[in-house]
Amino acid sequence: YGVWCQVHQEDSSLFISLPIDIPEDEMNKIGVALRGTPGIVDVWG
């Protein structure tokens, strides 16, 4: 599902769009990966 994502930066936020049919566990994997990226404070959606 990640290959279809879109990312847009605006000031101090990254706005990420993912396919509507992405399962919850895949969203959680992505959230964990982003939280481990230096400079990213928090992730929610």
ModelCIF file with pLDDT and N, C-alpha, C, O atoms, coordinates in Angstrom:
data_MODEL
#
_entry.id   MODEL 
#
_entity.id                         1 
_entity.type                       polymer 
_entity.pdbx_number_of_molecules   1 
#
_entity_poly.entity_id                      1 
_entity_poly.type                           'polypeptide(L)' 
_entity_poly.nstd_linkage                   no 
_entity_poly.nstd_monomer                   no 
_entity_poly.pdbx_seq_one_letter_code       YGVWCQVHQEDSSLFISLPIDIPEDEMNKIGVALRGTPGIVDVWG 
_entity_poly.pdbx_seq_one_letter_code_can   YGVWCQVHQEDSSLFISLPIDIPEDEMNKIGVALRGTPGIVDVWG 
_entity_poly.pdbx_strand_id                 A 
#
loop_
_entity_poly_seq.entity_id 
_entity_poly_seq.num 
_entity_poly_seq.mon_id 
_entity_poly_seq.hetero 
1 1  TYR n 
1 2  GLY n 
1 3  VAL n 
1 4  TRP n 
1 5  CYS n 
1 6  GLN n 
1 7  VAL n 
1 8  HIS n 
1 9  GLN n 
1 10 GLU n 
1 11 ASP n 
1 12 SER n 
1 13 SER n 
1 14 LEU n 
1 15 PHE n 
1 16 ILE n 
1 17 SER n 
1 18 LEU n 
1 19 PRO n 
1 20 ILE n 
1 21 ASP n 
1 22 ILE n 
1 23 PRO n 
1 24 GLU n 
1 25 ASP n 
1 26 GLU n 
1 27 MET n 
1 28 ASN n 
1 29 LYS n 
1 30 ILE n 
1 31 GLY n 
1 32 VAL n 
1 33 ALA n 
1 34 LEU n 
1 35 ARG n 
1 36 GLY n 
1 37 THR n 
1 38 PRO n 
1 39 GLY n 
1 40 ILE n 
1 41 VAL n 
1 42 ASP n 
1 43 VAL n 
1 44 TRP n 
1 45 GLY n 
#
_struct_asym.id          A 
_struct_asym.entity_id   1 
#
loop_
_ma_qa_metric.id 
_ma_qa_metric.mode 
_ma_qa_metric.name 
_ma_qa_metric.software_group_id 
_ma_qa_metric.type 
1 global pLDDT . pLDDT 
2 local  pLDDT . pLDDT 
#
_ma_qa_metric_global.metric_id      1 
_ma_qa_metric_global.metric_value   82.31 
_ma_qa_metric_global.model_id       1 
_ma_qa_metric_global.ordinal_id     1 
#
loop_
_ma_qa_metric_local.label_asym_id 
_ma_qa_metric_local.label_comp_id 
_ma_qa_metric_local.label_seq_id 
_ma_qa_metric_local.metric_id 
_ma_qa_metric_local.metric_value 
_ma_qa_metric_local.model_id 
_ma_qa_metric_local.ordinal_id 
A TYR 1  2 80.00 1 1  
A GLY 2  2 79.00 1 2  
A VAL 3  2 73.00 1 3  
A TRP 4  2 75.00 1 4  
A CYS 5  2 80.00 1 5  
A GLN 6  2 79.00 1 6  
A VAL 7  2 83.00 1 7  
A HIS 8  2 81.00 1 8  
A GLN 9  2 82.00 1 9  
A GLU 10 2 79.00 1 10 
A ASP 11 2 77.00 1 11 
A SER 12 2 82.00 1 12 
A SER 13 2 83.00 1 13 
A LEU 14 2 85.00 1 14 
A PHE 15 2 84.00 1 15 
A ILE 16 2 85.00 1 16 
A SER 17 2 83.00 1 17 
A LEU 18 2 82.00 1 18 
A PRO 19 2 79.00 1 19 
A ILE 20 2 79.00 1 20 
A ASP 21 2 78.00 1 21 
A ILE 22 2 83.00 1 22 
A PRO 23 2 85.00 1 23 
A GLU 24 2 84.00 1 24 
A ASP 25 2 85.00 1 25 
A GLU 26 2 86.00 1 26 
A MET 27 2 86.00 1 27 
A ASN 28 2 86.00 1 28 
A LYS 29 2 88.00 1 29 
A ILE 30 2 88.00 1 30 
A GLY 31 2 86.00 1 31 
A VAL 32 2 87.00 1 32 
A ALA 33 2 87.00 1 33 
A LEU 34 2 88.00 1 34 
A ARG 35 2 85.00 1 35 
A GLY 36 2 85.00 1 36 
A THR 37 2 86.00 1 37 
A PRO 38 2 83.00 1 38 
A GLY 39 2 85.00 1 39 
A ILE 40 2 87.00 1 40 
A VAL 41 2 83.00 1 41 
A ASP 42 2 82.00 1 42 
A VAL 43 2 84.00 1 43 
A TRP 44 2 74.00 1 44 
A GLY 45 2 63.00 1 45 
#
loop_
_atom_site.group_PDB 
_atom_site.id 
_atom_site.type_symbol 
_atom_site.label_atom_id 
_atom_site.label_alt_id 
_atom_site.label_comp_id 
_atom_site.label_asym_id 
_atom_site.label_entity_id 
_atom_site.label_seq_id 
_atom_site.pdbx_PDB_ins_code 
_atom_site.Cartn_x 
_atom_site.Cartn_y 
_atom_site.Cartn_z 
_atom_site.occupancy 
_atom_site.B_iso_or_equiv 
_atom_site.pdbx_formal_charge 
_atom_site.auth_seq_id 
_atom_site.auth_comp_id 
_atom_site.auth_asym_id 
_atom_site.auth_atom_id 
_atom_site.pdbx_PDB_model_num 
ATOM 1   N N  . TYR A 1 1  ? 0.808  -1.219 0.000  1.00 80.00 ? 1  TYR A N  1 
ATOM 2   C CA . TYR A 1 1  ? 0.000  0.000  0.000  1.00 80.00 ? 1  TYR A CA 1 
ATOM 3   C C  . TYR A 1 1  ? 0.847  1.277  0.000  1.00 80.00 ? 1  TYR A C  1 
ATOM 4   O O  . TYR A 1 1  ? 0.411  2.317  -0.493 1.00 80.00 ? 1  TYR A O  1 
ATOM 5   N N  . GLY A 1 2  ? 2.050  1.189  0.553  1.00 79.00 ? 2  GLY A N  1 
ATOM 6   C CA . GLY A 1 2  ? 2.885  2.380  0.679  1.00 79.00 ? 2  GLY A CA 1 
ATOM 7   C C  . GLY A 1 2  ? 3.297  3.000  -0.630 1.00 79.00 ? 2  GLY A C  1 
ATOM 8   O O  . GLY A 1 2  ? 3.529  4.207  -0.697 1.00 79.00 ? 2  GLY A O  1 
ATOM 9   N N  . VAL A 1 3  ? 3.394  2.191  -1.684 1.00 73.00 ? 3  VAL A N  1 
ATOM 10  C CA . VAL A 1 3  ? 3.834  2.729  -2.970 1.00 73.00 ? 3  VAL A CA 1 
ATOM 11  C C  . VAL A 1 3  ? 2.826  3.713  -3.546 1.00 73.00 ? 3  VAL A C  1 
ATOM 12  O O  . VAL A 1 3  ? 3.160  4.483  -4.447 1.00 73.00 ? 3  VAL A O  1 
ATOM 13  N N  . TRP A 1 4  ? 1.592  3.699  -3.037 1.00 75.00 ? 4  TRP A N  1 
ATOM 14  C CA . TRP A 1 4  ? 0.564  4.596  -3.553 1.00 75.00 ? 4  TRP A CA 1 
ATOM 15  C C  . TRP A 1 4  ? 0.435  5.868  -2.733 1.00 75.00 ? 4  TRP A C  1 
ATOM 16  O O  . TRP A 1 4  ? -0.412 6.711  -3.031 1.00 75.00 ? 4  TRP A O  1 
ATOM 17  N N  . CYS A 1 5  ? 1.255  6.020  -1.712 1.00 80.00 ? 5  CYS A N  1 
ATOM 18  C CA . CYS A 1 5  ? 1.082  7.160  -0.816 1.00 80.00 ? 5  CYS A CA 1 
ATOM 19  C C  . CYS A 1 5  ? 1.467  8.476  -1.482 1.00 80.00 ? 5  CYS A C  1 
ATOM 20  O O  . CYS A 1 5  ? 2.235  8.512  -2.442 1.00 80.00 ? 5  CYS A O  1 
ATOM 21  N N  . GLN A 1 6  ? 0.917  9.535  -0.949 1.00 79.00 ? 6  GLN A N  1 
ATOM 22  C CA . GLN A 1 6  ? 1.262  10.886 -1.372 1.00 79.00 ? 6  GLN A CA 1 
ATOM 23  C C  . GLN A 1 6  ? 1.645  11.671 -0.132 1.00 79.00 ? 6  GLN A C  1 
ATOM 24  O O  . GLN A 1 6  ? 1.007  11.536 0.912  1.00 79.00 ? 6  GLN A O  1 
ATOM 25  N N  . VAL A 1 7  ? 2.684  12.492 -0.238 1.00 83.00 ? 7  VAL A N  1 
ATOM 26  C CA . VAL A 1 7  ? 3.180  13.244 0.913  1.00 83.00 ? 7  VAL A CA 1 
ATOM 27  C C  . VAL A 1 7  ? 3.265  14.724 0.551  1.00 83.00 ? 7  VAL A C  1 
ATOM 28  O O  . VAL A 1 7  ? 3.785  15.093 -0.502 1.00 83.00 ? 7  VAL A O  1 
ATOM 29  N N  . HIS A 1 8  ? 2.742  15.563 1.446  1.00 81.00 ? 8  HIS A N  1 
ATOM 30  C CA . HIS A 1 8  ? 2.785  17.011 1.242  1.00 81.00 ? 8  HIS A CA 1 
ATOM 31  C C  . HIS A 1 8  ? 3.200  17.676 2.542  1.00 81.00 ? 8  HIS A C  1 
ATOM 32  O O  . HIS A 1 8  ? 2.582  17.457 3.584  1.00 81.00 ? 8  HIS A O  1 
ATOM 33  N N  . GLN A 1 9  ? 4.262  18.498 2.479  1.00 82.00 ? 9  GLN A N  1 
ATOM 34  C CA . GLN A 1 9  ? 4.731  19.198 3.677  1.00 82.00 ? 9  GLN A CA 1 
ATOM 35  C C  . GLN A 1 9  ? 4.159  20.605 3.713  1.00 82.00 ? 9  GLN A C  1 
ATOM 36  O O  . GLN A 1 9  ? 4.172  21.328 2.717  1.00 82.00 ? 9  GLN A O  1 
ATOM 37  N N  . GLU A 1 10 ? 3.660  20.974 4.876  1.00 79.00 ? 10 GLU A N  1 
ATOM 38  C CA . GLU A 1 10 ? 3.126  22.320 5.061  1.00 79.00 ? 10 GLU A CA 1 
ATOM 39  C C  . GLU A 1 10 ? 3.527  22.788 6.450  1.00 79.00 ? 10 GLU A C  1 
ATOM 40  O O  . GLU A 1 10 ? 3.037  22.285 7.461  1.00 79.00 ? 10 GLU A O  1 
ATOM 41  N N  . ASP A 1 11 ? 4.433  23.766 6.476  1.00 77.00 ? 11 ASP A N  1 
ATOM 42  C CA . ASP A 1 11 ? 4.980  24.270 7.745  1.00 77.00 ? 11 ASP A CA 1 
ATOM 43  C C  . ASP A 1 11 ? 5.563  23.117 8.553  1.00 77.00 ? 11 ASP A C  1 
ATOM 44  O O  . ASP A 1 11 ? 6.514  22.476 8.106  1.00 77.00 ? 11 ASP A O  1 
ATOM 45  N N  . SER A 1 12 ? 5.010  22.838 9.739  1.00 82.00 ? 12 SER A N  1 
ATOM 46  C CA . SER A 1 12 ? 5.608  21.822 10.607 1.00 82.00 ? 12 SER A CA 1 
ATOM 47  C C  . SER A 1 12 ? 4.857  20.498 10.557 1.00 82.00 ? 12 SER A C  1 
ATOM 48  O O  . SER A 1 12 ? 4.940  19.708 11.498 1.00 82.00 ? 12 SER A O  1 
ATOM 49  N N  . SER A 1 13 ? 4.128  20.244 9.478  1.00 83.00 ? 13 SER A N  1 
ATOM 50  C CA . SER A 1 13 ? 3.379  18.990 9.362  1.00 83.00 ? 13 SER A CA 1 
ATOM 51  C C  . SER A 1 13 ? 3.613  18.335 8.013  1.00 83.00 ? 13 SER A C  1 
ATOM 52  O O  . SER A 1 13 ? 3.836  19.002 7.003  1.00 83.00 ? 13 SER A O  1 
ATOM 53  N N  . LEU A 1 14 ? 3.555  17.019 8.027  1.00 85.00 ? 14 LEU A N  1 
ATOM 54  C CA . LEU A 1 14 ? 3.535  16.227 6.794  1.00 85.00 ? 14 LEU A CA 1 
ATOM 55  C C  . LEU A 1 14 ? 2.133  15.659 6.661  1.00 85.00 ? 14 LEU A C  1 
ATOM 56  O O  . LEU A 1 14 ? 1.641  14.997 7.575  1.00 85.00 ? 14 LEU A O  1 
ATOM 57  N N  . PHE A 1 15 ? 1.488  15.909 5.533  1.00 84.00 ? 15 PHE A N  1 
ATOM 58  C CA . PHE A 1 15 ? 0.160  15.368 5.295  1.00 84.00 ? 15 PHE A CA 1 
ATOM 59  C C  . PHE A 1 15 ? 0.290  14.204 4.314  1.00 84.00 ? 15 PHE A C  1 
ATOM 60  O O  . PHE A 1 15 ? 0.731  14.375 3.178  1.00 84.00 ? 15 PHE A O  1 
ATOM 61  N N  . ILE A 1 16 ? -0.101 13.030 4.773  1.00 85.00 ? 16 ILE A N  1 
ATOM 62  C CA . ILE A 1 16 ? 0.112  11.799 4.016  1.00 85.00 ? 16 ILE A CA 1 
ATOM 63  C C  . ILE A 1 16 ? -1.238 11.189 3.644  1.00 85.00 ? 16 ILE A C  1 
ATOM 64  O O  . ILE A 1 16 ? -2.119 11.040 4.490  1.00 85.00 ? 16 ILE A O  1 
ATOM 65  N N  . SER A 1 17 ? -1.386 10.842 2.375  1.00 83.00 ? 17 SER A N  1 
ATOM 66  C CA . SER A 1 17 ? -2.610 10.196 1.906  1.00 83.00 ? 17 SER A CA 1 
ATOM 67  C C  . SER A 1 17 ? -2.300 8.751  1.539  1.00 83.00 ? 17 SER A C  1 
ATOM 68  O O  . SER A 1 17 ? -1.316 8.468  0.855  1.00 83.00 ? 17 SER A O  1 
ATOM 69  N N  . LEU A 1 18 ? -3.148 7.848  2.002  1.00 82.00 ? 18 LEU A N  1 
ATOM 70  C CA . LEU A 1 18 ? -2.970 6.423  1.741  1.00 82.00 ? 18 LEU A CA 1 
ATOM 71  C C  . LEU A 1 18 ? -4.270 5.857  1.174  1.00 82.00 ? 18 LEU A C  1 
ATOM 72  O O  . LEU A 1 18 ? -5.339 6.410  1.428  1.00 82.00 ? 18 LEU A O  1 
ATOM 73  N N  . PRO A 1 19 ? -4.199 4.759  0.408  1.00 79.00 ? 19 PRO A N  1 
ATOM 74  C CA . PRO A 1 19 ? -5.414 4.191  -0.198 1.00 79.00 ? 19 PRO A CA 1 
ATOM 75  C C  . PRO A 1 19 ? -6.488 3.896  0.837  1.00 79.00 ? 19 PRO A C  1 
ATOM 76  O O  . PRO A 1 19 ? -6.184 3.480  1.955  1.00 79.00 ? 19 PRO A O  1 
ATOM 77  N N  . ILE A 1 20 ? -7.735 4.111  0.466  1.00 79.00 ? 20 ILE A N  1 
ATOM 78  C CA . ILE A 1 20 ? -8.860 3.962  1.386  1.00 79.00 ? 20 ILE A CA 1 
ATOM 79  C C  . ILE A 1 20 ? -9.014 2.530  1.882  1.00 79.00 ? 20 ILE A C  1 
ATOM 80  O O  . ILE A 1 20 ? -9.557 2.296  2.962  1.00 79.00 ? 20 ILE A O  1 
ATOM 81  N N  . ASP A 1 21 ? -8.530 1.563  1.084  1.00 78.00 ? 21 ASP A N  1 
ATOM 82  C CA . ASP A 1 21 ? -8.735 0.167  1.457  1.00 78.00 ? 21 ASP A CA 1 
ATOM 83  C C  . ASP A 1 21 ? -7.561 -0.407 2.261  1.00 78.00 ? 21 ASP A C  1 
ATOM 84  O O  . ASP A 1 21 ? -7.485 -1.620 2.462  1.00 78.00 ? 21 ASP A O  1 
ATOM 85  N N  . ILE A 1 22 ? -6.652 0.454  2.720  1.00 83.00 ? 22 ILE A N  1 
ATOM 86  C CA . ILE A 1 22 ? -5.518 -0.054 3.485  1.00 83.00 ? 22 ILE A CA 1 
ATOM 87  C C  . ILE A 1 22 ? -6.007 -0.597 4.831  1.00 83.00 ? 22 ILE A C  1 
ATOM 88  O O  . ILE A 1 22 ? -6.757 0.088  5.528  1.00 83.00 ? 22 ILE A O  1 
ATOM 89  N N  . PRO A 1 23 ? -5.596 -1.820 5.211  1.00 85.00 ? 23 PRO A N  1 
ATOM 90  C CA . PRO A 1 23 ? -6.026 -2.412 6.486  1.00 85.00 ? 23 PRO A CA 1 
ATOM 91  C C  . PRO A 1 23 ? -5.446 -1.653 7.681  1.00 85.00 ? 23 PRO A C  1 
ATOM 92  O O  . PRO A 1 23 ? -4.450 -0.939 7.561  1.00 85.00 ? 23 PRO A O  1 
ATOM 93  N N  . GLU A 1 24 ? -6.089 -1.823 8.821  1.00 84.00 ? 24 GLU A N  1 
ATOM 94  C CA . GLU A 1 24 ? -5.666 -1.114 10.031 1.00 84.00 ? 24 GLU A CA 1 
ATOM 95  C C  . GLU A 1 24 ? -4.255 -1.500 10.449 1.00 84.00 ? 24 GLU A C  1 
ATOM 96  O O  . GLU A 1 24 ? -3.477 -0.651 10.884 1.00 84.00 ? 24 GLU A O  1 
ATOM 97  N N  . ASP A 1 25 ? -3.916 -2.813 10.313 1.00 85.00 ? 25 ASP A N  1 
ATOM 98  C CA . ASP A 1 25 ? -2.571 -3.229 10.751 1.00 85.00 ? 25 ASP A CA 1 
ATOM 99  C C  . ASP A 1 25 ? -1.480 -2.621 9.870  1.00 85.00 ? 25 ASP A C  1 
ATOM 100 O O  . ASP A 1 25 ? -0.375 -2.359 10.346 1.00 85.00 ? 25 ASP A O  1 
ATOM 101 N N  . GLU A 1 26 ? -1.785 -2.392 8.583  1.00 86.00 ? 26 GLU A N  1 
ATOM 102 C CA . GLU A 1 26 ? -0.802 -1.763 7.701  1.00 86.00 ? 26 GLU A CA 1 
ATOM 103 C C  . GLU A 1 26 ? -0.620 -0.292 8.074  1.00 86.00 ? 26 GLU A C  1 
ATOM 104 O O  . GLU A 1 26 ? 0.494  0.231  8.028  1.00 86.00 ? 26 GLU A O  1 
ATOM 105 N N  . MET A 1 27 ? -1.723 0.375  8.446  1.00 86.00 ? 27 MET A N  1 
ATOM 106 C CA . MET A 1 27 ? -1.636 1.759  8.909  1.00 86.00 ? 27 MET A CA 1 
ATOM 107 C C  . MET A 1 27 ? -0.784 1.848  10.171 1.00 86.00 ? 27 MET A C  1 
ATOM 108 O O  . MET A 1 27 ? 0.010  2.775  10.331 1.00 86.00 ? 27 MET A O  1 
ATOM 109 N N  . ASN A 1 28 ? -0.957 0.874  11.065 1.00 86.00 ? 28 ASN A N  1 
ATOM 110 C CA . ASN A 1 28 ? -0.177 0.863  12.300 1.00 86.00 ? 28 ASN A CA 1 
ATOM 111 C C  . ASN A 1 28 ? 1.314  0.683  12.022 1.00 86.00 ? 28 ASN A C  1 
ATOM 112 O O  . ASN A 1 28 ? 2.153  1.314  12.663 1.00 86.00 ? 28 ASN A O  1 
ATOM 113 N N  . LYS A 1 29 ? 1.638  -0.195 11.050 1.00 88.00 ? 29 LYS A N  1 
ATOM 114 C CA . LYS A 1 29 ? 3.044  -0.395 10.667 1.00 88.00 ? 29 LYS A CA 1 
ATOM 115 C C  . LYS A 1 29 ? 3.662  0.913  10.188 1.00 88.00 ? 29 LYS A C  1 
ATOM 116 O O  . LYS A 1 29 ? 4.788  1.262  10.543 1.00 88.00 ? 29 LYS A O  1 
ATOM 117 N N  . ILE A 1 30 ? 2.888  1.627  9.369  1.00 88.00 ? 30 ILE A N  1 
ATOM 118 C CA . ILE A 1 30 ? 3.381  2.895  8.829  1.00 88.00 ? 30 ILE A CA 1 
ATOM 119 C C  . ILE A 1 30 ? 3.565  3.911  9.952  1.00 88.00 ? 30 ILE A C  1 
ATOM 120 O O  . ILE A 1 30 ? 4.555  4.643  9.980  1.00 88.00 ? 30 ILE A O  1 
ATOM 121 N N  . GLY A 1 31 ? 2.612  3.951  10.874 1.00 86.00 ? 31 GLY A N  1 
ATOM 122 C CA . GLY A 1 31 ? 2.722  4.873  12.006 1.00 86.00 ? 31 GLY A CA 1 
ATOM 123 C C  . GLY A 1 31 ? 3.963  4.606  12.838 1.00 86.00 ? 31 GLY A C  1 
ATOM 124 O O  . GLY A 1 31 ? 4.650  5.542  13.249 1.00 86.00 ? 31 GLY A O  1 
ATOM 125 N N  . VAL A 1 32 ? 4.255  3.335  13.089 1.00 87.00 ? 32 VAL A N  1 
ATOM 126 C CA . VAL A 1 32 ? 5.452  2.958  13.864 1.00 87.00 ? 32 VAL A CA 1 
ATOM 127 C C  . VAL A 1 32 ? 6.719  3.380  13.121 1.00 87.00 ? 32 VAL A C  1 
ATOM 128 O O  . VAL A 1 32 ? 7.646  3.921  13.723 1.00 87.00 ? 32 VAL A O  1 
ATOM 129 N N  . ALA A 1 33 ? 6.753  3.130  11.803 1.00 87.00 ? 33 ALA A N  1 
ATOM 130 C CA . ALA A 1 33 ? 7.930  3.480  11.000 1.00 87.00 ? 33 ALA A CA 1 
ATOM 131 C C  . ALA A 1 33 ? 8.175  4.983  11.000 1.00 87.00 ? 33 ALA A C  1 
ATOM 132 O O  . ALA A 1 33 ? 9.318  5.430  11.097 1.00 87.00 ? 33 ALA A O  1 
ATOM 133 N N  . LEU A 1 34 ? 7.098  5.763  10.891 1.00 88.00 ? 34 LEU A N  1 
ATOM 134 C CA . LEU A 1 34 ? 7.244  7.216  10.870 1.00 88.00 ? 34 LEU A CA 1 
ATOM 135 C C  . LEU A 1 34 ? 7.708  7.739  12.219 1.00 88.00 ? 34 LEU A C  1 
ATOM 136 O O  . LEU A 1 34 ? 8.536  8.648  12.283 1.00 88.00 ? 34 LEU A O  1 
ATOM 137 N N  . ARG A 1 35 ? 7.180  7.172  13.301 1.00 85.00 ? 35 ARG A N  1 
ATOM 138 C CA . ARG A 1 35 ? 7.586  7.624  14.635 1.00 85.00 ? 35 ARG A CA 1 
ATOM 139 C C  . ARG A 1 35 ? 9.065  7.361  14.884 1.00 85.00 ? 35 ARG A C  1 
ATOM 140 O O  . ARG A 1 35 ? 9.683  8.028  15.714 1.00 85.00 ? 35 ARG A O  1 
ATOM 141 N N  . GLY A 1 36 ? 9.633  6.400  14.179 1.00 85.00 ? 36 GLY A N  1 
ATOM 142 C CA . GLY A 1 36 ? 11.057 6.107  14.339 1.00 85.00 ? 36 GLY A CA 1 
ATOM 143 C C  . GLY A 1 36 ? 11.949 6.940  13.439 1.00 85.00 ? 36 GLY A C  1 
ATOM 144 O O  . GLY A 1 36 ? 13.166 6.754  13.428 1.00 85.00 ? 36 GLY A O  1 
ATOM 145 N N  . THR A 1 37 ? 11.360 7.853  12.686 1.00 86.00 ? 37 THR A N  1 
ATOM 146 C CA . THR A 1 37 ? 12.133 8.709  11.786 1.00 86.00 ? 37 THR A CA 1 
ATOM 147 C C  . THR A 1 37 ? 12.602 9.963  12.521 1.00 86.00 ? 37 THR A C  1 
ATOM 148 O O  . THR A 1 37 ? 11.778 10.670 13.101 1.00 86.00 ? 37 THR A O  1 
ATOM 149 N N  . PRO A 1 38 ? 13.919 10.261 12.511 1.00 83.00 ? 38 PRO A N  1 
ATOM 150 C CA . PRO A 1 38 ? 14.430 11.440 13.216 1.00 83.00 ? 38 PRO A CA 1 
ATOM 151 C C  . PRO A 1 38 ? 13.718 12.713 12.767 1.00 83.00 ? 38 PRO A C  1 
ATOM 152 O O  . PRO A 1 38 ? 13.544 12.958 11.574 1.00 83.00 ? 38 PRO A O  1 
ATOM 153 N N  . GLY A 1 39 ? 13.316 13.502 13.730 1.00 85.00 ? 39 GLY A N  1 
ATOM 154 C CA . GLY A 1 39 ? 12.675 14.774 13.421 1.00 85.00 ? 39 GLY A CA 1 
ATOM 155 C C  . GLY A 1 39 ? 11.163 14.726 13.435 1.00 85.00 ? 39 GLY A C  1 
ATOM 156 O O  . GLY A 1 39 ? 10.514 15.772 13.466 1.00 85.00 ? 39 GLY A O  1 
ATOM 157 N N  . ILE A 1 40 ? 10.576 13.516 13.413 1.00 87.00 ? 40 ILE A N  1 
ATOM 158 C CA . ILE A 1 40 ? 9.121  13.407 13.469 1.00 87.00 ? 40 ILE A CA 1 
ATOM 159 C C  . ILE A 1 40 ? 8.682  13.277 14.925 1.00 87.00 ? 40 ILE A C  1 
ATOM 160 O O  . ILE A 1 40 ? 9.068  12.344 15.629 1.00 87.00 ? 40 ILE A O  1 
ATOM 161 N N  . VAL A 1 41 ? 7.864  14.237 15.356 1.00 83.00 ? 41 VAL A N  1 
ATOM 162 C CA . VAL A 1 41 ? 7.459  14.316 16.749 1.00 83.00 ? 41 VAL A CA 1 
ATOM 163 C C  . VAL A 1 41 ? 6.320  13.354 17.065 1.00 83.00 ? 41 VAL A C  1 
ATOM 164 O O  . VAL A 1 41 ? 6.387  12.635 18.061 1.00 83.00 ? 41 VAL A O  1 
ATOM 165 N N  . ASP A 1 42 ? 5.275  13.326 16.237 1.00 82.00 ? 42 ASP A N  1 
ATOM 166 C CA . ASP A 1 42 ? 4.128  12.471 16.499 1.00 82.00 ? 42 ASP A CA 1 
ATOM 167 C C  . ASP A 1 42 ? 3.405  12.210 15.183 1.00 82.00 ? 42 ASP A C  1 
ATOM 168 O O  . ASP A 1 42 ? 3.561  12.937 14.201 1.00 82.00 ? 42 ASP A O  1 
ATOM 169 N N  . VAL A 1 43 ? 2.608  11.144 15.202 1.00 84.00 ? 43 VAL A N  1 
ATOM 170 C CA . VAL A 1 43 ? 1.843  10.744 14.028 1.00 84.00 ? 43 VAL A CA 1 
ATOM 171 C C  . VAL A 1 43 ? 0.424  10.431 14.458 1.00 84.00 ? 43 VAL A C  1 
ATOM 172 O O  . VAL A 1 43 ? 0.217  9.722  15.443 1.00 84.00 ? 43 VAL A O  1 
ATOM 173 N N  . TRP A 1 44 ? -0.553 10.951 13.734 1.00 74.00 ? 44 TRP A N  1 
ATOM 174 C CA . TRP A 1 44 ? -1.929 10.590 14.052 1.00 74.00 ? 44 TRP A CA 1 
ATOM 175 C C  . TRP A 1 44 ? -2.788 10.662 12.794 1.00 74.00 ? 44 TRP A C  1 
ATOM 176 O O  . TRP A 1 44 ? -2.389 11.260 11.795 1.00 74.00 ? 44 TRP A O  1 
ATOM 177 N N  . GLY A 1 45 ? -3.955 10.057 12.849 1.00 63.00 ? 45 GLY A N  1 
ATOM 178 C CA . GLY A 1 45 ? -4.875 10.051 11.718 1.00 63.00 ? 45 GLY A CA 1 
ATOM 179 C C  . GLY A 1 45 ? -5.974 9.045  11.975 1.00 63.00 ? 45 GLY A C  1 
ATOM 180 O O  . GLY A 1 45 ? -6.864 8.877  11.141 1.00 63.00 ? 45 GLY A O  1 
#
